[in-house]
C-alpha atoms as a PDB file:
ATOM      1  CA  MET A   1     -48.657  83.371 -91.584  1.00  0.00           C
ATOM      2  CA  ALA A   2     -50.160  79.952 -92.333  1.00  0.00           C
ATOM      3  CA  GLU A   3     -49.659  78.392 -95.720  1.00  0.00           C
ATOM      4  CA  LYS A   4     -52.511  77.855 -98.191  1.00  0.00           C
ATOM      5  CA  SER A   5     -53.694  74.241 -98.112  1.00  0.00           C
ATOM      6  CA  PRO A   6     -51.960  72.373-100.970  1.00  0.00           C
ATOM      7  CA  ARG A   7     -54.832  69.877-101.366  1.00  0.00           C
ATOM      8  CA  GLN A   8     -58.073  71.591-100.460  1.00  0.00           C
ATOM      9  CA  MET A   9     -57.713  74.967-102.209  1.00  0.00           C
ATOM     10  CA  PRO A  10     -56.913  73.454-105.658  1.00  0.00           C
ATOM     11  CA  VAL A  11     -60.097  71.361-105.339  1.00  0.00           C
ATOM     12  CA  VAL A  12     -62.103  74.480-104.430  1.00  0.00           C
ATOM     13  CA  GLU A  13     -60.602  76.316-107.442  1.00  0.00           C
ATOM     14  CA  ALA A  14     -61.529  73.413-109.751  1.00  0.00           C
ATOM     15  CA  LEU A  15     -65.137  73.371-108.466  1.00  0.00           C
ATOM     16  CA  LYS A  16     -65.742  77.118-109.009  1.00  0.00           C
ATOM     17  CA  GLY A  17     -67.362  76.421-112.386  1.00  0.00           C
ATOM     18  CA  GLY A  18     -70.484  75.118-110.651  1.00  0.00           C
ATOM     19  CA  ALA A  19     -70.521  71.647-112.194  1.00  0.00           C
ATOM     20  CA  CYS A  20     -70.528  68.419-110.208  1.00  0.00           C
ATOM     21  CA  LEU A  21     -67.091  66.913-110.849  1.00  0.00           C
ATOM     22  CA  THR A  22     -65.928  63.373-110.246  1.00  0.00           C
ATOM     23  CA  THR A  23     -62.773  62.592-108.314  1.00  0.00           C
ATOM     24  CA  ALA A  24     -61.113  61.514-111.590  1.00  0.00           C
ATOM     25  CA  ALA A  25     -61.963  64.883-113.200  1.00  0.00           C
ATOM     26  CA  LEU A  26     -60.705  66.737-110.119  1.00  0.00           C
ATOM     27  CA  ALA A  27     -57.458  64.776-110.229  1.00  0.00           C
ATOM     28  CA  GLU A  28     -56.998  65.711-113.888  1.00  0.00           C
ATOM     29  CA  LEU A  29     -57.772  69.412-113.278  1.00  0.00           C
ATOM     30  CA  THR A  30     -55.639  69.809-110.160  1.00  0.00           C
ATOM     31  CA  GLY A  31     -52.766  67.454-110.930  1.00  0.00           C
ATOM     32  CA  LEU A  32     -53.220  65.804-107.524  1.00  0.00           C
ATOM     33  CA  GLU A  33     -53.272  62.039-106.994  1.00  0.00           C
ATOM     34  CA  GLY A  34     -56.544  60.214-106.360  1.00  0.00           C
ATOM     35  CA  ARG A  35     -55.928  59.634-102.651  1.00  0.00           C
ATOM     36  CA  ASP A  36     -55.059  63.336-102.175  1.00  0.00           C
ATOM     37  CA  ILE A  37     -58.318  64.293-103.906  1.00  0.00           C
ATOM     38  CA  ALA A  38     -60.236  61.899-101.654  1.00  0.00           C
ATOM     39  CA  LYS A  39     -58.637  63.369 -98.495  1.00  0.00           C
ATOM     40  CA  ALA A  40     -59.269  66.930 -99.675  1.00  0.00           C
ATOM     41  CA  CYS A  41     -62.898  66.214-100.542  1.00  0.00           C
ATOM     42  CA  CYS A  42     -63.470  64.520 -97.191  1.00  0.00           C
ATOM     43  CA  ALA A  43     -62.025  67.538 -95.352  1.00  0.00           C
ATOM     44  CA  LEU A  44     -64.002  70.007 -97.484  1.00  0.00           C
ATOM     45  CA  VAL A  45     -67.261  68.116 -96.896  1.00  0.00           C
ATOM     46  CA  SER A  46     -66.657  68.188 -93.132  1.00  0.00           C
ATOM     47  CA  ARG A  47     -65.957  71.948 -93.349  1.00  0.00           C
ATOM     48  CA  GLY A  48     -69.194  72.399 -95.284  1.00  0.00           C
ATOM     49  CA  TRP A  49     -67.465  73.936 -98.323  1.00  0.00           C
ATOM     50  CA  ILE A  50     -68.490  71.194-100.774  1.00  0.00           C
ATOM     51  CA  VAL A  51     -71.317  68.675-101.014  1.00  0.00           C
ATOM     52  CA  ARG A  52     -71.387  65.163-102.403  1.00  0.00           C
ATOM     53  CA  ARG A  53     -74.181  64.843-104.966  1.00  0.00           C
ATOM     54  CA  GLU A  54     -73.541  61.182-105.678  1.00  0.00           C
ATOM     55  CA  ARG A  55     -70.741  58.738-105.045  1.00  0.00           C
ATOM     56  CA  GLY A  56     -67.476  60.301-106.242  1.00  0.00           C
ATOM     57  CA  CYS A  57     -69.138  63.495-107.543  1.00  0.00           C
ATOM     58  CA  PHE A  58     -68.694  66.799-105.691  1.00  0.00           C
ATOM     59  CA  GLU A  59     -69.693  70.453-106.101  1.00  0.00           C
ATOM     60  CA  LEU A  60     -69.294  73.663-104.117  1.00  0.00           C
ATOM     61  CA  SER A  61     -71.926  74.202-101.440  1.00  0.00           C
ATOM     62  CA  GLU A  62     -73.636  77.531-100.762  1.00  0.00           C
ATOM     63  CA  ALA A  63     -71.282  78.069 -97.800  1.00  0.00           C
ATOM     64  CA  GLY A  64     -68.309  77.242-100.036  1.00  0.00           C
ATOM     65  CA  ARG A  65     -69.424  79.766-102.675  1.00  0.00           C
ATOM     66  CA  LYS A  66     -69.865  82.466-100.024  1.00  0.00           C
ATOM     67  CA  ALA A  67     -66.461  81.707 -98.468  1.00  0.00           C
ATOM     68  CA  ASP A  68     -64.788  81.813-101.890  1.00  0.00           C
ATOM     69  CA  ALA A  69     -66.550  85.078-102.793  1.00  0.00           C
ATOM     70  CA  ALA A  70     -65.392  86.580 -99.475  1.00  0.00           C
ATOM     71  CA  GLY A  71     -61.807  85.623-100.348  1.00  0.00           C
ATOM     72  CA  GLU A  72     -61.409  83.089 -97.548  1.00  0.00           C
ATOM     73  CA  ILE A  73     -58.659  80.551 -97.954  1.00  0.00           C
ATOM     74  CA  ILE A  74     -58.084  77.266 -96.202  1.00  0.00           C
ATOM     75  CA  THR A  75     -54.686  77.020 -94.582  1.00  0.00           C
ATOM     76  CA  SER A  76     -52.783  73.915 -93.662  1.00  0.00           C
ATOM     77  CA  GLY A  77     -52.897  72.869 -90.026  1.00  0.00           C
ATOM     78  CA  PRO A  78     -55.651  72.388 -87.465  1.00  0.00           C
ATOM     79  CA  THR A  79     -59.135  73.653 -88.254  1.00  0.00           C
ATOM     80  CA  GLY A  80     -59.998  74.987 -84.807  1.00  0.00           C
ATOM     81  CA  PRO A  81     -58.389  76.508 -81.742  1.00  0.00           C
ATOM     82  CA  LEU A  82     -55.794  74.453 -79.918  1.00  0.00           C
ATOM     83  CA  THR A  83     -57.438  73.842 -76.570  1.00  0.00           C
ATOM     84  CA  GLN A  84     -57.790  71.041 -74.092  1.00  0.00           C
ATOM     85  CA  ALA A  85     -61.543  71.649 -73.815  1.00  0.00           C
ATOM     86  CA  GLU A  86     -62.276  68.353 -75.515  1.00  0.00           C
ATOM     87  CA  PRO A  87     -61.737  65.290 -73.346  1.00  0.00           C
ATOM     88  CA  ARG A  88     -58.697  63.231 -74.229  1.00  0.00           C
ATOM     89  CA  ARG A  89     -59.111  59.756 -75.594  1.00  0.00           C
ATOM     90  CA  PRO A  90     -58.834  57.124 -72.891  1.00  0.00           C
ATOM     91  CA  ARG A  91     -55.395  55.608 -72.552  1.00  0.00           C
ATOM     92  CA  ARG A  92     -55.091  52.112 -73.991  1.00  0.00           C
ATOM     93  CA  GLN A  93     -54.812  49.463 -71.267  1.00  0.00           C
ATOM     94  CA  THR A  94     -51.422  47.764 -71.284  1.00  0.00           C
ATOM     95  CA  VAL A  95     -50.225  44.478 -69.808  1.00  0.00           C
ATOM     96  CA  ARG A  96     -48.648  46.419 -66.949  1.00  0.00           C
ATOM     97  CA  ASP A  97     -52.002  48.100 -66.248  1.00  0.00           C
ATOM     98  CA  ARG A  98     -53.537  44.626 -65.982  1.00  0.00           C
ATOM     99  CA  MET A  99     -50.673  43.464 -63.751  1.00  0.00           C
ATOM    100  CA  TRP A 100     -51.255  46.447 -61.432  1.00  0.00           C
ATOM    101  CA  THR A 101     -54.990  45.709 -61.290  1.00  0.00           C
ATOM    102  CA  THR A 102     -54.191  42.077 -60.445  1.00  0.00           C
ATOM    103  CA  MET A 103     -51.818  43.190 -57.663  1.00  0.00           C
ATOM    104  CA  ARG A 104     -54.450  45.529 -56.219  1.00  0.00           C
ATOM    105  CA  THR A 105     -57.122  42.832 -56.390  1.00  0.00           C
ATOM    106  CA  LEU A 106     -55.127  39.963 -54.892  1.00  0.00           C
ATOM    107  CA  ASN A 107     -52.880  42.021 -52.575  1.00  0.00           C
ATOM    108  CA  LYS A 108     -50.421  39.072 -52.475  1.00  0.00           C
ATOM    109  CA  VAL A 109     -49.137  37.914 -55.850  1.00  0.00           C
ATOM    110  CA  ARG A 110     -46.797  35.448 -57.477  1.00  0.00           C
ATOM    111  CA  ILE A 111     -45.263  35.775 -60.939  1.00  0.00           C
ATOM    112  CA  ALA A 112     -47.521  32.907 -62.064  1.00  0.00           C
ATOM    113  CA  ASP A 113     -50.592  34.945 -61.006  1.00  0.00           C
ATOM    114  CA  LEU A 114     -49.480  37.834 -63.207  1.00  0.00           C
ATOM    115  CA  GLU A 115     -48.857  35.483 -66.129  1.00  0.00           C
ATOM    116  CA  THR A 116     -52.242  33.813 -65.784  1.00  0.00           C
ATOM    117  CA  LEU A 117     -54.531  36.683 -64.791  1.00  0.00           C
ATOM    118  CA  ALA A 118     -52.873  39.644 -66.560  1.00  0.00           C
ATOM    119  CA  GLY A 119     -51.523  37.830 -69.621  1.00  0.00           C
ATOM    120  CA  ALA A 120     -47.950  38.980 -68.928  1.00  0.00           C
ATOM    121  CA  THR A 121     -44.835  37.172 -70.049  1.00  0.00           C
ATOM    122  CA  ARG A 122     -42.589  35.850 -67.263  1.00  0.00           C
ATOM    123  CA  ASP A 123     -39.779  38.257 -68.205  1.00  0.00           C
ATOM    124  CA  ASN A 124     -42.062  41.317 -68.256  1.00  0.00           C
ATOM    125  CA  ALA A 125     -43.673  40.358 -64.940  1.00  0.00           C
ATOM    126  CA  GLN A 126     -40.285  39.787 -63.276  1.00  0.00           C
ATOM    127  CA  ARG A 127     -38.910  43.146 -64.462  1.00  0.00           C
ATOM    128  CA  TYR A 128     -42.006  45.076 -63.341  1.00  0.00           C
ATOM    129  CA  VAL A 129     -42.254  43.309 -59.977  1.00  0.00           C
ATOM    130  CA  GLY A 130     -38.516  43.791 -59.389  1.00  0.00           C
ATOM    131  CA  ALA A 131     -38.750  47.531 -60.065  1.00  0.00           C
ATOM    132  CA  LEU A 132     -41.847  47.875 -57.861  1.00  0.00           C
ATOM    133  CA  GLU A 133     -40.089  45.972 -55.076  1.00  0.00           C
ATOM    134  CA  LYS A 134     -36.999  48.216 -55.278  1.00  0.00           C
ATOM    135  CA  THR A 135     -39.177  51.348 -54.967  1.00  0.00           C
ATOM    136  CA  GLY A 136     -41.245  50.086 -52.042  1.00  0.00           C
ATOM    137  CA  PHE A 137     -44.523  49.399 -53.816  1.00  0.00           C
ATOM    138  CA  LEU A 138     -44.128  45.670 -53.156  1.00  0.00           C
ATOM    139  CA  ALA A 139     -42.512  43.766 -50.284  1.00  0.00           C
ATOM    140  CA  ARG A 140     -41.167  40.248 -50.710  1.00  0.00           C
ATOM    141  CA  LEU A 141     -42.863  37.661 -48.479  1.00  0.00           C
ATOM    142  CA  ARG A 142     -41.569  34.333 -47.255  1.00  0.00           C
ATOM    143  CA  ALA A 143     -41.506  31.802 -50.089  1.00  0.00           C
ATOM    144  CA  GLU A 144     -44.540  29.574 -50.470  1.00  0.00           C
ATOM    145  CA  ALA A 145     -43.850  25.826 -50.565  1.00  0.00           C
ATOM    146  CA  GLY A 146     -43.454  24.546 -54.116  1.00  0.00           C
ATOM    147  CA  SER A 147     -45.106  21.420 -55.505  1.00  0.00           C
ATOM    148  CA  ALA A 148     -41.906  19.714 -56.698  1.00  0.00           C
ATOM    149  CA  PRO A 149     -39.895  17.737 -54.110  1.00  0.00           C
ATOM    150  CA  THR A 150     -36.710  19.674 -54.908  1.00  0.00           C
ATOM    151  CA  SER A 151     -38.393  23.095 -55.052  1.00  0.00           C
ATOM    152  CA  ASN A 152     -37.006  25.983 -53.004  1.00  0.00           C
ATOM    153  CA  GLY A 153     -40.476  27.498 -52.936  1.00  0.00           C
ATOM    154  CA  VAL A 154     -42.384  30.141 -54.901  1.00  0.00           C
ATOM    155  CA  CYS A 155     -41.735  33.859 -54.315  1.00  0.00           C
ATOM    156  CA  ARG A 156     -44.685  36.024 -53.311  1.00  0.00           C
ATOM    157  CA  TRP A 157     -45.047  39.781 -52.920  1.00  0.00           C
ATOM    158  CA  LEU A 158     -47.348  41.934 -50.810  1.00  0.00           C
ATOM    159  CA  LEU A 159     -48.694  45.202 -52.213  1.00  0.00           C
ATOM    160  CA  VAL A 160     -47.527  47.801 -49.678  1.00  0.00           C
ATOM    161  CA  ARG A 161     -48.036  51.111 -51.485  1.00  0.00           C
ATOM    162  CA  ASN A 162     -51.464  51.004 -53.157  1.00  0.00           C
ATOM    163  CA  SER A 163     -51.545  54.583 -54.427  1.00  0.00           C
ATOM    164  CA  GLY A 164     -54.566  54.276 -56.721  1.00  0.00           C
ATOM    165  CA  PRO A 165     -56.006  52.692 -59.863  1.00  0.00           C
ATOM    166  CA  ALA A 166     -53.436  53.990 -62.378  1.00  0.00           C
ATOM    167  CA  ALA A 167     -50.483  51.624 -62.770  1.00  0.00           C
ATOM    168  CA  PRO A 168     -47.066  53.015 -61.839  1.00  0.00           C
ATOM    169  CA  VAL A 169     -44.912  53.478 -64.948  1.00  0.00           C
ATOM    170  CA  TYR A 170     -41.522  51.745 -64.987  1.00  0.00           C
ATOM    171  CA  LYS A 171     -39.045  54.006 -66.795  1.00  0.00           C
ATOM    172  CA  ALA A 172     -36.009  51.757 -67.277  1.00  0.00           C
ATOM    173  CA  ARG A 173     -33.791  54.365 -68.955  1.00  0.00           C
ATOM    174  CA  ALA A 174     -34.484  56.959 -66.276  1.00  0.00           C
ATOM    175  CA  GLY A 175     -34.102  54.310 -63.572  1.00  0.00           C
ATOM    176  CA  GLU A 176     -37.355  55.233 -61.856  1.00  0.00           C
ATOM    177  CA  ILE A 177     -40.982  54.379 -61.242  1.00  0.00           C
ATOM    178  CA  TYR A 178     -43.432  57.199 -61.941  1.00  0.00           C
ATOM    179  CA  ASP A 179     -46.665  57.025 -59.958  1.00  0.00           C
ATOM    180  CA  ARG A 180     -49.438  58.478 -62.148  1.00  0.00           C
ATOM    181  CA  ASN A 181     -51.799  58.643 -59.163  1.00  0.00           C
ATOM    182  CA  THR A 182     -49.638  60.986 -57.090  1.00  0.00           C
ATOM    183  CA  GLY A 183     -47.336  62.470 -59.738  1.00  0.00           C
ATOM    184  CA  ILE A 184     -44.247  61.370 -57.771  1.00  0.00           C
ATOM    185  CA  SER A 185     -41.174  59.668 -59.305  1.00  0.00           C
ATOM    186  CA  TYR A 186     -39.359  57.103 -57.182  1.00  0.00           C
ATOM    187  CA  PRO A 187     -35.729  56.312 -58.101  1.00  0.00           C
ATOM    188  CA  ILE A 188     -35.179  52.564 -58.272  1.00  0.00           C
ATOM    189  CA  GLY A 189     -33.509  51.444 -55.059  1.00  0.00           C
ATOM    190  CA  ASP A 190     -35.086  54.271 -53.000  1.00  0.00           C
ATOM    191  CA  GLN A 191     -37.828  52.975 -50.684  1.00  0.00           C
ATOM    192  CA  SER A 192     -38.796  56.219 -48.950  1.00  0.00           C
END
């Protein structure tokens, strides 16, 4: 059985008298801190149990009075059913997402391209490219001539396995690349 809400129900109990009480008065009556009163009032307003008459002054709503008269209690935890009906928030774009987009756009990349176009650090770009190369997503091309007279050239890679728009996830501890487009994990070193 769910537990009675430790913040919201004391506020409801304090508002039963019918008067419009300030947050300071509610804090004094309930023994809760000001920020806890503010959170409880915000949640109760969104539930429709209380109304805000003026800034910092709250009273029970008609729905709140009916719910209290019916003996309803607010329990701690989520307010609705736990379903995946609501769309999930979009995933935040990371540097590696931008690197993958750059690789898909250019098809042939250098570490400098990933630093410039995706905003990656050299170390991060080298680790990601190395892991993608070891799993067969990228293939190393012949070095491009460098600009310095003593240069051995600049490494380039060709995107071989373009599985889709979602960037493959490099899981260093697991020693694998997880492709979010296909749902397949590739152990590092395996190029099948």
